[in-house]
């Protein structure tokens, strides 16, 4: 099983590539993405090859987690049953200077394409469940929800990058809980929601 076949784009409308919303991946019988990819209470679609599969709003868990910290938990999980996957959650969190990989979908030349880039962990994980990475290739809108992994072991879900700030006017459109993070971001830097927190929602 190749990892690339289990990392898929999410769309707001079936058959419409212009409605591309973000990235999701299969793991342990679930589909995972960043919860902010699902901006509206509606049915989204994941594309596998040429097929668009509906993802009913009511089956996502959690839809938007009410957090007990200042950031919120940017993860959404969809049940897939017994679907196998070459990806699994790591038994430990990433550490400073770990060399990892990012596989996501991005809008390029008017259509979503799969993009791979190596990355490195910039520092220790913060107390709120996120860690910071620097990617070799800059990734932009659409990468949210993709796996950050190594040798099939997923260390977290990519949730936000520098372009999210640059493509808005100041902090307009950025959730209040993310303002502190944005002030600390540099180009080619992304925030990742770490595995140990993801596991809390898969029990």
N, C-alpha and C. Protein backbone atom coordinates (compact mmCIF):
# COMPACT_ATOMS: atom_id res chain seq x y z
N UNK A 1 0.84 -1.20 0.00
CA UNK A 1 0.00 0.00 0.00
C UNK A 1 0.87 1.25 0.00
N UNK A 2 0.61 2.16 -0.93
CA UNK A 2 1.36 3.40 -1.01
C UNK A 2 0.64 4.51 -0.26
N UNK A 3 1.39 5.25 0.53
CA UNK A 3 0.81 6.32 1.34
C UNK A 3 0.03 7.30 0.46
N UNK A 4 0.54 7.62 -0.71
CA UNK A 4 -0.10 8.64 -1.56
C UNK A 4 -1.55 8.30 -1.91
N UNK A 5 -1.89 7.01 -1.92
CA UNK A 5 -3.25 6.61 -2.25
C UNK A 5 -4.23 6.79 -1.09
N UNK A 6 -3.69 7.11 0.08
CA UNK A 6 -4.52 7.24 1.28
C UNK A 6 -4.54 8.67 1.81
N UNK A 7 -4.00 9.59 1.02
CA UNK A 7 -4.06 11.02 1.33
C UNK A 7 -4.86 11.66 0.20
N UNK A 8 -6.04 12.22 0.51
CA UNK A 8 -7.01 12.59 -0.52
C UNK A 8 -7.52 14.02 -0.34
N UNK A 9 -7.95 14.64 -1.43
CA UNK A 9 -8.52 15.98 -1.35
C UNK A 9 -9.99 15.96 -0.93
N UNK A 10 -10.39 17.02 -0.23
CA UNK A 10 -11.79 17.20 0.19
C UNK A 10 -12.40 18.34 -0.62
N UNK A 11 -13.66 18.15 -1.03
CA UNK A 11 -14.36 19.16 -1.83
C UNK A 11 -15.70 19.51 -1.19
N UNK A 12 -16.16 20.71 -1.48
CA UNK A 12 -17.49 21.12 -1.00
C UNK A 12 -18.59 20.61 -1.91
N UNK A 13 -18.26 20.35 -3.19
CA UNK A 13 -19.26 19.85 -4.13
C UNK A 13 -18.66 18.71 -4.95
N UNK A 14 -19.43 17.67 -5.17
CA UNK A 14 -18.96 16.52 -5.92
C UNK A 14 -18.70 16.91 -7.37
N UNK A 15 -17.55 16.49 -7.89
CA UNK A 15 -17.22 16.73 -9.28
C UNK A 15 -16.72 18.13 -9.60
N UNK A 16 -16.62 18.99 -8.60
CA UNK A 16 -16.22 20.37 -8.83
C UNK A 16 -14.86 20.63 -8.18
N UNK A 17 -13.79 20.61 -8.99
CA UNK A 17 -12.45 20.80 -8.44
C UNK A 17 -12.26 22.20 -7.87
N UNK A 18 -13.04 23.16 -8.34
CA UNK A 18 -12.93 24.53 -7.84
C UNK A 18 -13.41 24.65 -6.40
N UNK A 19 -14.13 23.62 -5.91
CA UNK A 19 -14.63 23.65 -4.54
C UNK A 19 -13.68 22.96 -3.57
N UNK A 20 -12.45 22.73 -4.01
CA UNK A 20 -11.41 22.11 -3.18
C UNK A 20 -11.29 22.83 -1.85
N UNK A 21 -11.30 22.07 -0.74
CA UNK A 21 -11.30 22.67 0.60
C UNK A 21 -10.09 22.33 1.44
N UNK A 22 -9.48 21.17 1.23
CA UNK A 22 -8.36 20.76 2.06
C UNK A 22 -7.99 19.31 1.84
N UNK A 23 -7.23 18.77 2.76
CA UNK A 23 -6.68 17.42 2.64
C UNK A 23 -7.17 16.54 3.80
N UNK A 24 -7.35 15.26 3.52
CA UNK A 24 -7.69 14.28 4.56
C UNK A 24 -6.87 13.02 4.32
N UNK A 25 -6.76 12.18 5.34
CA UNK A 25 -6.02 10.93 5.17
C UNK A 25 -6.65 9.81 5.98
N UNK A 26 -6.45 8.58 5.50
CA UNK A 26 -7.00 7.38 6.14
C UNK A 26 -6.01 6.84 7.17
N UNK A 27 -6.55 6.46 8.32
CA UNK A 27 -5.70 5.90 9.36
C UNK A 27 -6.56 5.13 10.37
N UNK A 28 -6.18 3.91 10.69
CA UNK A 28 -6.85 3.14 11.74
C UNK A 28 -8.37 3.12 11.61
N UNK A 29 -8.88 2.95 10.39
CA UNK A 29 -10.32 2.86 10.19
C UNK A 29 -11.05 4.18 10.26
N UNK A 30 -10.30 5.29 10.14
CA UNK A 30 -10.91 6.62 10.19
C UNK A 30 -10.32 7.50 9.09
N UNK A 31 -11.07 8.55 8.76
CA UNK A 31 -10.57 9.61 7.91
C UNK A 31 -10.34 10.82 8.82
N UNK A 32 -9.15 11.41 8.75
CA UNK A 32 -8.82 12.54 9.59
C UNK A 32 -8.54 13.78 8.75
N UNK A 33 -8.90 14.93 9.27
CA UNK A 33 -8.56 16.21 8.67
C UNK A 33 -8.54 17.26 9.77
N UNK A 34 -8.21 18.50 9.41
CA UNK A 34 -8.31 19.61 10.35
C UNK A 34 -9.76 20.08 10.37
N UNK A 35 -10.28 20.34 11.55
CA UNK A 35 -11.71 20.66 11.64
C UNK A 35 -12.05 21.96 10.92
N UNK A 36 -11.09 22.89 10.79
CA UNK A 36 -11.42 24.15 10.12
C UNK A 36 -11.62 23.98 8.62
N UNK A 37 -11.19 22.82 8.07
CA UNK A 37 -11.45 22.53 6.66
C UNK A 37 -12.97 22.43 6.43
N UNK A 38 -13.68 21.97 7.43
CA UNK A 38 -15.12 21.78 7.35
C UNK A 38 -15.80 23.04 7.88
N UNK A 39 -15.84 24.06 7.08
CA UNK A 39 -16.28 25.37 7.54
C UNK A 39 -17.79 25.48 7.70
N UNK A 40 -18.53 24.62 7.05
CA UNK A 40 -20.00 24.72 7.08
C UNK A 40 -20.61 23.38 7.46
N UNK A 41 -21.78 23.38 8.11
CA UNK A 41 -22.48 22.13 8.44
C UNK A 41 -23.15 21.56 7.20
N UNK A 42 -22.39 20.89 6.38
CA UNK A 42 -22.88 20.37 5.11
C UNK A 42 -22.16 19.08 4.78
N UNK A 43 -22.61 18.38 3.77
CA UNK A 43 -21.93 17.19 3.28
C UNK A 43 -20.75 17.60 2.41
N UNK A 44 -19.57 17.15 2.79
CA UNK A 44 -18.37 17.34 1.96
C UNK A 44 -18.10 16.05 1.20
N UNK A 45 -17.11 16.10 0.29
CA UNK A 45 -16.80 14.93 -0.53
C UNK A 45 -15.29 14.71 -0.55
N UNK A 46 -14.89 13.45 -0.41
CA UNK A 46 -13.49 13.10 -0.56
C UNK A 46 -13.34 12.39 -1.91
N UNK A 47 -12.27 12.71 -2.63
CA UNK A 47 -12.06 12.08 -3.93
C UNK A 47 -11.01 11.00 -3.84
N UNK A 48 -11.37 9.82 -4.30
CA UNK A 48 -10.44 8.69 -4.37
C UNK A 48 -10.38 8.28 -5.84
N UNK A 49 -9.26 8.63 -6.50
CA UNK A 49 -9.19 8.44 -7.94
C UNK A 49 -10.14 9.40 -8.62
N UNK A 50 -11.08 8.86 -9.40
CA UNK A 50 -12.08 9.70 -10.07
C UNK A 50 -13.42 9.72 -9.34
N UNK A 51 -13.50 9.01 -8.22
CA UNK A 51 -14.76 8.88 -7.50
C UNK A 51 -14.86 9.87 -6.34
N UNK A 52 -16.01 10.51 -6.22
CA UNK A 52 -16.29 11.43 -5.12
C UNK A 52 -17.20 10.72 -4.11
N UNK A 53 -16.75 10.62 -2.87
CA UNK A 53 -17.51 9.93 -1.83
C UNK A 53 -18.06 10.94 -0.82
N UNK A 54 -19.36 10.92 -0.53
CA UNK A 54 -19.95 11.89 0.40
C UNK A 54 -19.52 11.62 1.84
N UNK A 55 -19.33 12.69 2.59
CA UNK A 55 -18.98 12.64 4.00
C UNK A 55 -20.06 13.40 4.76
N UNK A 56 -20.99 12.69 5.36
CA UNK A 56 -22.13 13.32 6.01
C UNK A 56 -21.69 14.13 7.23
N UNK A 57 -22.20 15.33 7.31
CA UNK A 57 -21.82 16.24 8.40
C UNK A 57 -22.02 15.61 9.77
N UNK A 58 -23.12 14.93 9.93
CA UNK A 58 -23.49 14.41 11.25
C UNK A 58 -22.53 13.33 11.76
N UNK A 59 -21.76 12.70 10.87
CA UNK A 59 -20.88 11.61 11.27
C UNK A 59 -19.49 12.08 11.69
N UNK A 60 -19.15 13.35 11.45
CA UNK A 60 -17.85 13.86 11.89
C UNK A 60 -17.83 13.98 13.41
N UNK A 61 -16.73 13.56 14.01
CA UNK A 61 -16.61 13.68 15.46
C UNK A 61 -15.15 13.97 15.82
N UNK A 62 -14.86 15.03 16.54
CA UNK A 62 -15.80 16.10 16.86
C UNK A 62 -15.94 17.06 15.71
N UNK A 63 -17.08 17.76 15.62
CA UNK A 63 -17.28 18.72 14.53
C UNK A 63 -16.39 19.94 14.75
N UNK A 64 -16.54 20.58 15.88
CA UNK A 64 -15.61 21.61 16.34
C UNK A 64 -15.48 21.36 17.84
N UNK A 65 -14.30 21.02 18.27
CA UNK A 65 -14.11 20.68 19.67
C UNK A 65 -14.12 21.94 20.52
N UNK A 66 -14.91 21.94 21.58
CA UNK A 66 -14.86 23.03 22.55
C UNK A 66 -13.65 22.77 23.43
N UNK A 67 -12.63 23.58 23.27
CA UNK A 67 -11.35 23.32 23.91
C UNK A 67 -11.28 23.89 25.32
N UNK A 68 -10.41 23.30 26.11
CA UNK A 68 -10.18 23.82 27.45
C UNK A 68 -8.84 24.58 27.48
N UNK A 69 -8.30 24.90 26.29
CA UNK A 69 -7.08 25.71 26.23
C UNK A 69 -7.31 26.86 25.26
N UNK A 70 -6.32 27.68 25.08
CA UNK A 70 -6.49 28.91 24.30
C UNK A 70 -6.53 28.69 22.80
N UNK A 71 -6.13 27.49 22.31
CA UNK A 71 -6.04 27.27 20.88
C UNK A 71 -7.23 26.55 20.28
N UNK A 72 -7.76 25.60 20.99
CA UNK A 72 -8.78 24.75 20.41
C UNK A 72 -8.12 23.55 19.74
N UNK A 73 -8.86 22.47 19.56
CA UNK A 73 -8.32 21.26 18.98
C UNK A 73 -8.76 21.17 17.53
N UNK A 74 -7.85 21.40 16.61
CA UNK A 74 -8.17 21.50 15.18
C UNK A 74 -8.10 20.12 14.53
N UNK A 75 -9.05 19.27 14.85
CA UNK A 75 -9.09 17.92 14.29
C UNK A 75 -10.53 17.49 14.12
N UNK A 76 -10.80 16.75 13.02
CA UNK A 76 -12.12 16.17 12.79
C UNK A 76 -11.91 14.74 12.28
N UNK A 77 -12.76 13.84 12.73
CA UNK A 77 -12.58 12.41 12.48
C UNK A 77 -13.87 11.83 11.91
N UNK A 78 -13.71 11.00 10.85
CA UNK A 78 -14.87 10.40 10.19
C UNK A 78 -14.68 8.88 10.18
N UNK A 79 -15.70 8.10 10.59
CA UNK A 79 -15.56 6.63 10.64
C UNK A 79 -15.56 6.00 9.25
N UNK A 80 -14.63 5.06 9.03
CA UNK A 80 -14.54 4.35 7.75
C UNK A 80 -14.73 2.84 7.89
N UNK A 81 -14.90 2.37 9.11
CA UNK A 81 -15.01 0.93 9.29
C UNK A 81 -13.66 0.27 9.31
N UNK A 82 -13.52 -0.85 8.61
CA UNK A 82 -12.29 -1.64 8.66
C UNK A 82 -11.33 -1.35 7.51
N UNK A 83 -11.42 -0.18 6.92
CA UNK A 83 -10.56 0.15 5.79
C UNK A 83 -9.09 0.14 6.21
N UNK A 84 -8.24 -0.67 5.55
CA UNK A 84 -6.81 -0.72 5.90
C UNK A 84 -6.09 0.53 5.43
N UNK A 85 -4.93 0.81 6.02
CA UNK A 85 -4.13 1.97 5.63
C UNK A 85 -2.66 1.70 5.99
N UNK A 86 -1.74 2.23 5.19
CA UNK A 86 -0.31 2.09 5.53
C UNK A 86 0.11 3.08 6.60
N UNK A 87 -0.80 3.97 7.02
CA UNK A 87 -0.48 4.96 8.05
C UNK A 87 -1.02 4.53 9.41
N UNK A 88 -0.30 4.86 10.45
CA UNK A 88 -0.75 4.64 11.82
C UNK A 88 -0.21 5.75 12.70
N UNK A 89 -0.86 5.98 13.83
CA UNK A 89 -0.43 7.04 14.73
C UNK A 89 0.82 6.61 15.49
N UNK A 90 1.79 7.49 15.56
CA UNK A 90 3.03 7.21 16.26
C UNK A 90 2.78 7.02 17.76
N UNK A 91 3.61 6.20 18.38
CA UNK A 91 3.51 5.98 19.83
C UNK A 91 4.13 7.13 20.62
N UNK A 92 4.84 8.01 19.92
CA UNK A 92 5.45 9.14 20.62
C UNK A 92 5.28 10.40 19.78
N UNK A 93 5.40 11.55 20.44
CA UNK A 93 5.30 12.83 19.74
C UNK A 93 6.64 13.18 19.09
N UNK A 94 6.59 14.05 18.10
CA UNK A 94 7.80 14.51 17.43
C UNK A 94 8.65 15.34 18.38
N UNK A 95 9.95 15.34 18.15
CA UNK A 95 10.88 16.10 18.97
C UNK A 95 11.67 17.07 18.10
N UNK A 96 12.28 18.03 18.72
CA UNK A 96 13.07 19.04 18.01
C UNK A 96 14.10 18.38 17.10
N UNK A 97 14.19 18.90 15.87
CA UNK A 97 15.13 18.46 14.84
C UNK A 97 14.79 17.13 14.19
N UNK A 98 13.64 16.55 14.53
CA UNK A 98 13.19 15.34 13.81
C UNK A 98 12.94 15.70 12.34
N UNK A 99 13.37 14.83 11.44
CA UNK A 99 13.13 15.03 10.02
C UNK A 99 11.90 14.21 9.62
N UNK A 100 10.86 14.90 9.19
CA UNK A 100 9.59 14.26 8.86
C UNK A 100 9.20 14.58 7.42
N UNK A 101 7.99 14.17 7.04
CA UNK A 101 7.51 14.37 5.67
C UNK A 101 6.08 14.91 5.70
N UNK A 102 5.75 15.69 4.68
CA UNK A 102 4.40 16.22 4.51
C UNK A 102 3.90 15.78 3.14
N UNK A 103 2.68 15.24 3.10
CA UNK A 103 2.04 14.89 1.83
C UNK A 103 0.65 15.50 1.85
N UNK A 104 0.40 16.42 0.93
CA UNK A 104 -0.86 17.17 0.96
C UNK A 104 -1.37 17.41 -0.45
N UNK A 105 -2.51 18.05 -0.53
CA UNK A 105 -3.07 18.51 -1.80
C UNK A 105 -3.04 20.03 -1.83
N UNK A 106 -2.73 20.60 -2.99
CA UNK A 106 -2.63 22.03 -3.18
C UNK A 106 -3.29 22.41 -4.50
N UNK A 107 -3.81 23.61 -4.57
CA UNK A 107 -4.36 24.10 -5.82
C UNK A 107 -3.22 24.66 -6.67
N UNK A 108 -2.96 24.05 -7.81
CA UNK A 108 -1.91 24.49 -8.72
C UNK A 108 -2.49 24.59 -10.13
N UNK A 109 -2.32 25.75 -10.75
CA UNK A 109 -2.83 25.97 -12.11
C UNK A 109 -4.31 25.64 -12.22
N UNK A 110 -5.07 26.01 -11.20
CA UNK A 110 -6.51 25.86 -11.26
C UNK A 110 -7.06 24.50 -10.92
N UNK A 111 -6.18 23.58 -10.48
CA UNK A 111 -6.68 22.26 -10.09
C UNK A 111 -5.85 21.72 -8.92
N UNK A 112 -6.44 20.87 -8.07
CA UNK A 112 -5.70 20.32 -6.95
C UNK A 112 -4.74 19.21 -7.39
N UNK A 113 -3.51 19.29 -6.90
CA UNK A 113 -2.50 18.26 -7.18
C UNK A 113 -1.86 17.86 -5.86
N UNK A 114 -1.33 16.65 -5.83
CA UNK A 114 -0.69 16.16 -4.62
C UNK A 114 0.75 16.68 -4.56
N UNK A 115 1.14 17.15 -3.38
CA UNK A 115 2.46 17.76 -3.18
C UNK A 115 3.16 17.08 -2.01
N UNK A 116 4.43 16.76 -2.22
CA UNK A 116 5.26 16.17 -1.17
C UNK A 116 6.40 17.12 -0.83
N UNK A 117 6.72 17.23 0.44
CA UNK A 117 7.91 17.99 0.85
C UNK A 117 8.43 17.46 2.17
N UNK A 118 9.75 17.36 2.32
CA UNK A 118 10.31 17.03 3.64
C UNK A 118 10.19 18.24 4.56
N UNK A 119 10.30 17.99 5.86
CA UNK A 119 10.21 19.07 6.83
C UNK A 119 11.05 18.71 8.05
N UNK A 120 11.26 19.69 8.90
CA UNK A 120 12.00 19.47 10.14
C UNK A 120 11.26 20.13 11.28
N UNK A 121 11.27 19.49 12.44
CA UNK A 121 10.61 20.04 13.62
C UNK A 121 11.49 21.16 14.17
N UNK A 122 10.90 22.33 14.32
CA UNK A 122 11.66 23.53 14.69
C UNK A 122 11.95 23.63 16.17
N UNK A 123 11.09 23.10 16.98
CA UNK A 123 11.28 23.22 18.43
C UNK A 123 10.41 22.22 19.15
N UNK A 124 10.49 22.27 20.47
CA UNK A 124 9.69 21.35 21.26
C UNK A 124 8.21 21.69 21.12
N UNK A 125 7.35 20.69 21.30
CA UNK A 125 5.92 20.91 21.23
C UNK A 125 5.51 21.89 22.32
N UNK A 126 4.53 22.76 22.03
CA UNK A 126 4.09 23.69 23.06
C UNK A 126 3.08 23.00 23.97
N UNK A 127 2.67 23.71 24.99
CA UNK A 127 1.82 23.11 26.01
C UNK A 127 0.38 22.92 25.55
N UNK A 128 0.04 23.44 24.38
CA UNK A 128 -1.34 23.39 23.92
C UNK A 128 -1.61 22.32 22.88
N UNK A 129 -0.64 21.46 22.61
CA UNK A 129 -0.90 20.35 21.72
C UNK A 129 -0.42 20.52 20.30
N UNK A 130 0.33 21.57 20.00
CA UNK A 130 0.83 21.81 18.66
C UNK A 130 2.36 21.85 18.66
N UNK A 131 2.96 21.49 17.51
CA UNK A 131 4.38 21.73 17.33
C UNK A 131 4.60 22.39 15.98
N UNK A 132 5.78 22.96 15.81
CA UNK A 132 6.06 23.78 14.64
C UNK A 132 7.05 23.07 13.73
N UNK A 133 6.82 23.15 12.41
CA UNK A 133 7.74 22.56 11.44
C UNK A 133 8.12 23.61 10.39
N UNK A 134 9.26 23.40 9.76
CA UNK A 134 9.65 24.17 8.59
C UNK A 134 9.71 23.20 7.42
N UNK A 135 9.06 23.55 6.31
CA UNK A 135 9.03 22.68 5.14
C UNK A 135 10.05 23.13 4.10
N UNK A 136 10.59 22.17 3.35
CA UNK A 136 11.55 22.50 2.30
C UNK A 136 10.87 23.27 1.18
N UNK A 137 9.66 22.83 0.80
CA UNK A 137 8.87 23.53 -0.21
C UNK A 137 7.72 24.22 0.49
N UNK A 138 7.47 25.46 0.12
CA UNK A 138 6.39 26.19 0.74
C UNK A 138 5.05 25.59 0.33
N UNK A 139 4.20 25.35 1.30
CA UNK A 139 2.87 24.83 1.03
C UNK A 139 1.85 25.86 1.48
N UNK A 140 0.76 25.93 0.74
CA UNK A 140 -0.23 26.97 0.98
C UNK A 140 -1.62 26.38 1.17
N UNK A 141 -2.65 27.15 0.87
CA UNK A 141 -4.03 26.73 1.09
C UNK A 141 -4.30 25.35 0.50
N UNK A 142 -4.95 24.50 1.28
CA UNK A 142 -5.29 23.15 0.85
C UNK A 142 -4.52 22.09 1.60
N UNK A 143 -3.38 22.47 2.19
CA UNK A 143 -2.57 21.50 2.93
C UNK A 143 -3.20 21.15 4.27
N UNK A 144 -4.05 22.02 4.79
CA UNK A 144 -4.67 21.78 6.09
C UNK A 144 -5.34 20.41 6.12
N UNK A 145 -5.05 19.68 7.18
CA UNK A 145 -5.64 18.35 7.35
C UNK A 145 -4.75 17.20 6.91
N UNK A 146 -3.59 17.50 6.32
CA UNK A 146 -2.72 16.43 5.80
C UNK A 146 -1.86 15.83 6.92
N UNK A 147 -1.32 14.63 6.69
CA UNK A 147 -0.46 13.99 7.70
C UNK A 147 0.96 14.53 7.66
N UNK A 148 1.55 14.63 8.84
CA UNK A 148 2.99 14.88 8.99
C UNK A 148 3.55 13.58 9.55
N UNK A 149 4.39 12.90 8.79
CA UNK A 149 4.70 11.51 9.09
C UNK A 149 6.14 11.14 8.74
N UNK A 150 6.50 9.92 9.11
CA UNK A 150 7.79 9.33 8.74
C UNK A 150 7.66 7.82 8.83
N UNK A 151 8.04 7.14 7.75
CA UNK A 151 7.99 5.66 7.71
C UNK A 151 6.60 5.14 8.10
N UNK A 152 5.57 5.81 7.64
CA UNK A 152 4.21 5.36 7.90
C UNK A 152 3.66 5.77 9.26
N UNK A 153 4.48 6.35 10.12
CA UNK A 153 4.05 6.78 11.44
C UNK A 153 3.66 8.25 11.41
N UNK A 154 2.41 8.55 11.76
CA UNK A 154 1.91 9.92 11.72
C UNK A 154 2.16 10.61 13.06
N UNK A 155 2.81 11.78 12.98
CA UNK A 155 3.13 12.55 14.18
C UNK A 155 2.18 13.71 14.40
N UNK A 156 1.33 13.98 13.43
CA UNK A 156 0.35 15.03 13.63
C UNK A 156 -0.36 15.42 12.35
N UNK A 157 -1.33 16.34 12.50
CA UNK A 157 -2.12 16.88 11.39
C UNK A 157 -1.71 18.33 11.17
N UNK A 158 -1.35 18.66 9.94
CA UNK A 158 -1.01 20.04 9.63
C UNK A 158 -2.28 20.91 9.71
N UNK A 159 -2.18 22.02 10.45
CA UNK A 159 -3.37 22.83 10.67
C UNK A 159 -3.28 24.25 10.15
N UNK A 160 -2.07 24.83 10.09
CA UNK A 160 -2.00 26.22 9.71
C UNK A 160 -0.59 26.60 9.28
N UNK A 161 -0.49 27.45 8.26
CA UNK A 161 0.81 27.93 7.79
C UNK A 161 0.82 29.43 7.66
N UNK A 162 1.98 29.97 7.32
CA UNK A 162 2.16 31.41 7.26
C UNK A 162 1.22 32.09 6.25
N UNK A 163 0.94 31.41 5.14
CA UNK A 163 0.11 32.04 4.11
C UNK A 163 -1.29 32.35 4.60
N UNK A 164 -1.74 31.64 5.61
CA UNK A 164 -3.06 31.89 6.18
C UNK A 164 -3.14 33.33 6.70
N UNK A 165 -2.04 33.81 7.24
CA UNK A 165 -1.97 35.19 7.72
C UNK A 165 -1.78 36.17 6.57
N UNK A 166 -0.87 35.83 5.65
CA UNK A 166 -0.54 36.76 4.57
C UNK A 166 -1.70 36.98 3.61
N UNK A 167 -2.60 36.03 3.49
CA UNK A 167 -3.71 36.15 2.57
C UNK A 167 -4.93 36.83 3.18
N UNK A 168 -4.77 37.36 4.38
CA UNK A 168 -5.86 38.09 5.02
C UNK A 168 -5.38 39.50 5.33
N UNK A 169 -6.28 40.34 5.70
CA UNK A 169 -5.93 41.70 6.09
C UNK A 169 -5.69 41.73 7.59
N UNK A 170 -4.43 41.81 7.99
CA UNK A 170 -4.12 41.74 9.41
C UNK A 170 -4.57 40.40 9.95
N UNK A 171 -5.37 40.44 11.02
CA UNK A 171 -5.87 39.20 11.60
C UNK A 171 -7.32 38.92 11.21
N UNK A 172 -7.84 39.68 10.25
CA UNK A 172 -9.22 39.48 9.82
C UNK A 172 -9.42 38.06 9.30
N UNK A 173 -10.44 37.39 9.78
CA UNK A 173 -10.74 36.04 9.32
C UNK A 173 -9.99 34.95 10.07
N UNK A 174 -9.04 35.32 10.93
CA UNK A 174 -8.28 34.34 11.70
C UNK A 174 -8.94 34.17 13.07
N UNK A 175 -9.26 32.94 13.46
CA UNK A 175 -9.88 32.74 14.78
C UNK A 175 -9.04 33.38 15.88
N UNK A 176 -9.71 33.98 16.84
CA UNK A 176 -9.03 34.70 17.92
C UNK A 176 -7.99 33.83 18.62
N UNK A 177 -8.30 32.54 18.79
CA UNK A 177 -7.38 31.68 19.52
C UNK A 177 -6.07 31.44 18.78
N UNK A 178 -6.01 31.77 17.47
CA UNK A 178 -4.79 31.56 16.70
C UNK A 178 -3.93 32.82 16.55
N UNK A 179 -4.37 33.95 17.06
CA UNK A 179 -3.62 35.18 16.87
C UNK A 179 -2.21 35.10 17.44
N UNK A 180 -2.07 34.48 18.60
CA UNK A 180 -0.75 34.35 19.21
C UNK A 180 0.19 33.54 18.35
N UNK A 181 -0.33 32.47 17.75
CA UNK A 181 0.50 31.64 16.87
C UNK A 181 0.96 32.43 15.65
N UNK A 182 0.06 33.20 15.07
CA UNK A 182 0.38 33.88 13.83
C UNK A 182 1.51 34.89 14.01
N UNK A 183 1.60 35.48 15.17
CA UNK A 183 2.66 36.45 15.41
C UNK A 183 4.03 35.77 15.44
N UNK A 184 4.04 34.46 15.64
CA UNK A 184 5.30 33.73 15.77
C UNK A 184 5.67 32.96 14.50
N UNK A 185 4.82 33.01 13.48
CA UNK A 185 5.09 32.24 12.28
C UNK A 185 6.05 32.94 11.33
N UNK A 186 6.87 32.16 10.65
CA UNK A 186 7.76 32.65 9.61
C UNK A 186 7.42 31.93 8.32
N UNK A 187 7.94 32.40 7.19
CA UNK A 187 7.69 31.76 5.92
C UNK A 187 8.15 30.30 5.97
N UNK A 188 7.39 29.42 5.33
CA UNK A 188 7.65 27.98 5.29
C UNK A 188 7.50 27.32 6.66
N UNK A 189 6.80 27.99 7.54
CA UNK A 189 6.56 27.44 8.87
C UNK A 189 5.09 27.06 8.99
N UNK A 190 4.84 25.90 9.59
CA UNK A 190 3.47 25.44 9.79
C UNK A 190 3.31 24.94 11.22
N UNK A 191 2.05 24.95 11.67
CA UNK A 191 1.73 24.36 12.96
C UNK A 191 1.02 23.02 12.74
N UNK A 192 1.36 22.08 13.61
CA UNK A 192 0.87 20.70 13.50
C UNK A 192 0.23 20.29 14.82
N UNK A 193 -0.98 19.74 14.75
CA UNK A 193 -1.66 19.22 15.94
C UNK A 193 -1.13 17.82 16.22
N UNK A 194 -0.56 17.62 17.39
CA UNK A 194 0.25 16.42 17.62
C UNK A 194 -0.56 15.15 17.92
N UNK A 195 0.08 14.03 17.68
CA UNK A 195 -0.53 12.71 17.75
C UNK A 195 -1.13 12.39 19.11
N UNK A 196 -0.44 12.71 20.18
CA UNK A 196 -0.94 12.34 21.51
C UNK A 196 -2.30 12.98 21.79
N UNK A 197 -2.56 14.15 21.22
CA UNK A 197 -3.87 14.78 21.38
C UNK A 197 -4.90 14.18 20.43
N UNK A 198 -4.47 13.80 19.23
CA UNK A 198 -5.39 13.13 18.30
C UNK A 198 -5.95 11.86 18.93
N UNK A 199 -5.08 11.12 19.60
CA UNK A 199 -5.49 9.84 20.18
C UNK A 199 -6.62 9.99 21.19
N UNK A 200 -6.74 11.15 21.79
CA UNK A 200 -7.81 11.37 22.77
C UNK A 200 -9.18 11.20 22.13
N UNK A 201 -9.26 11.44 20.81
CA UNK A 201 -10.55 11.41 20.14
C UNK A 201 -10.78 10.10 19.39
N UNK A 202 -9.85 9.18 19.47
CA UNK A 202 -9.97 7.89 18.79
C UNK A 202 -10.20 6.75 19.77
N UNK A 203 -10.34 7.07 21.00
CA UNK A 203 -10.55 6.02 22.02
C UNK A 203 -12.00 5.58 22.06
